[in-house]
Amino acid sequence: MRAETKIRADAFGDDLLAALRKEGIDVSGVKRLADTATGVASIYVADGDNSILVVPGANDQVTPADIDQHLDKLKEADIVLLQLEIPVETVFYAARIAKSLGKKVILNPAPARELPQELYGCIDYIRRIARSWGGTPGWGRTRRTRTVTSSAWRCGG
């Protein structure tokens, strides 16, 4: 498994790299920036409900050019897992490239945001986040999907 992202050369970035390494994840695709904070999210829970405050930081600087720069690694992958902590434009670009290469593409739709309808044609599976699924903009339970497991939905089924 390999991580491709951007973080700052700060304590949050150090902690993230240490955690990824501990899990045996290749971090050679993680770029450290000096001028932007590492992205963070804080989860607040009250009365059985939660709210998530996201500060994208360096994640927000992952661009399609970064995907192109690591295209050789994308070609080696069997499965590409994307999440919405990077710009939607970059997620869409990476998903299109991965599908054109015959890869399985999984989307973790967090944090929730509006997505272009064309993206769904590039996604094989969407990780369902039970509490927030119905609250994801533009995503209702009526979308043409079928359940694959209790934690994932297959697109276009």
Foldseek 3Di string as FASTA:
>chain_A
DEDAAEAAPDPVVVVVVVVCVVVVYHDPNYHHDHPKHGKDKDWDDDPRDIDIDTDLIRLQVDALVSCVVVVVVLLVDQEAEEEVSYPLNNVQSNLVSSVVSVHAYEYADPPADDHDPVSLVSHQKYFDDPRCQCVRPPGHPPAPWDDPDPGMIGGPD
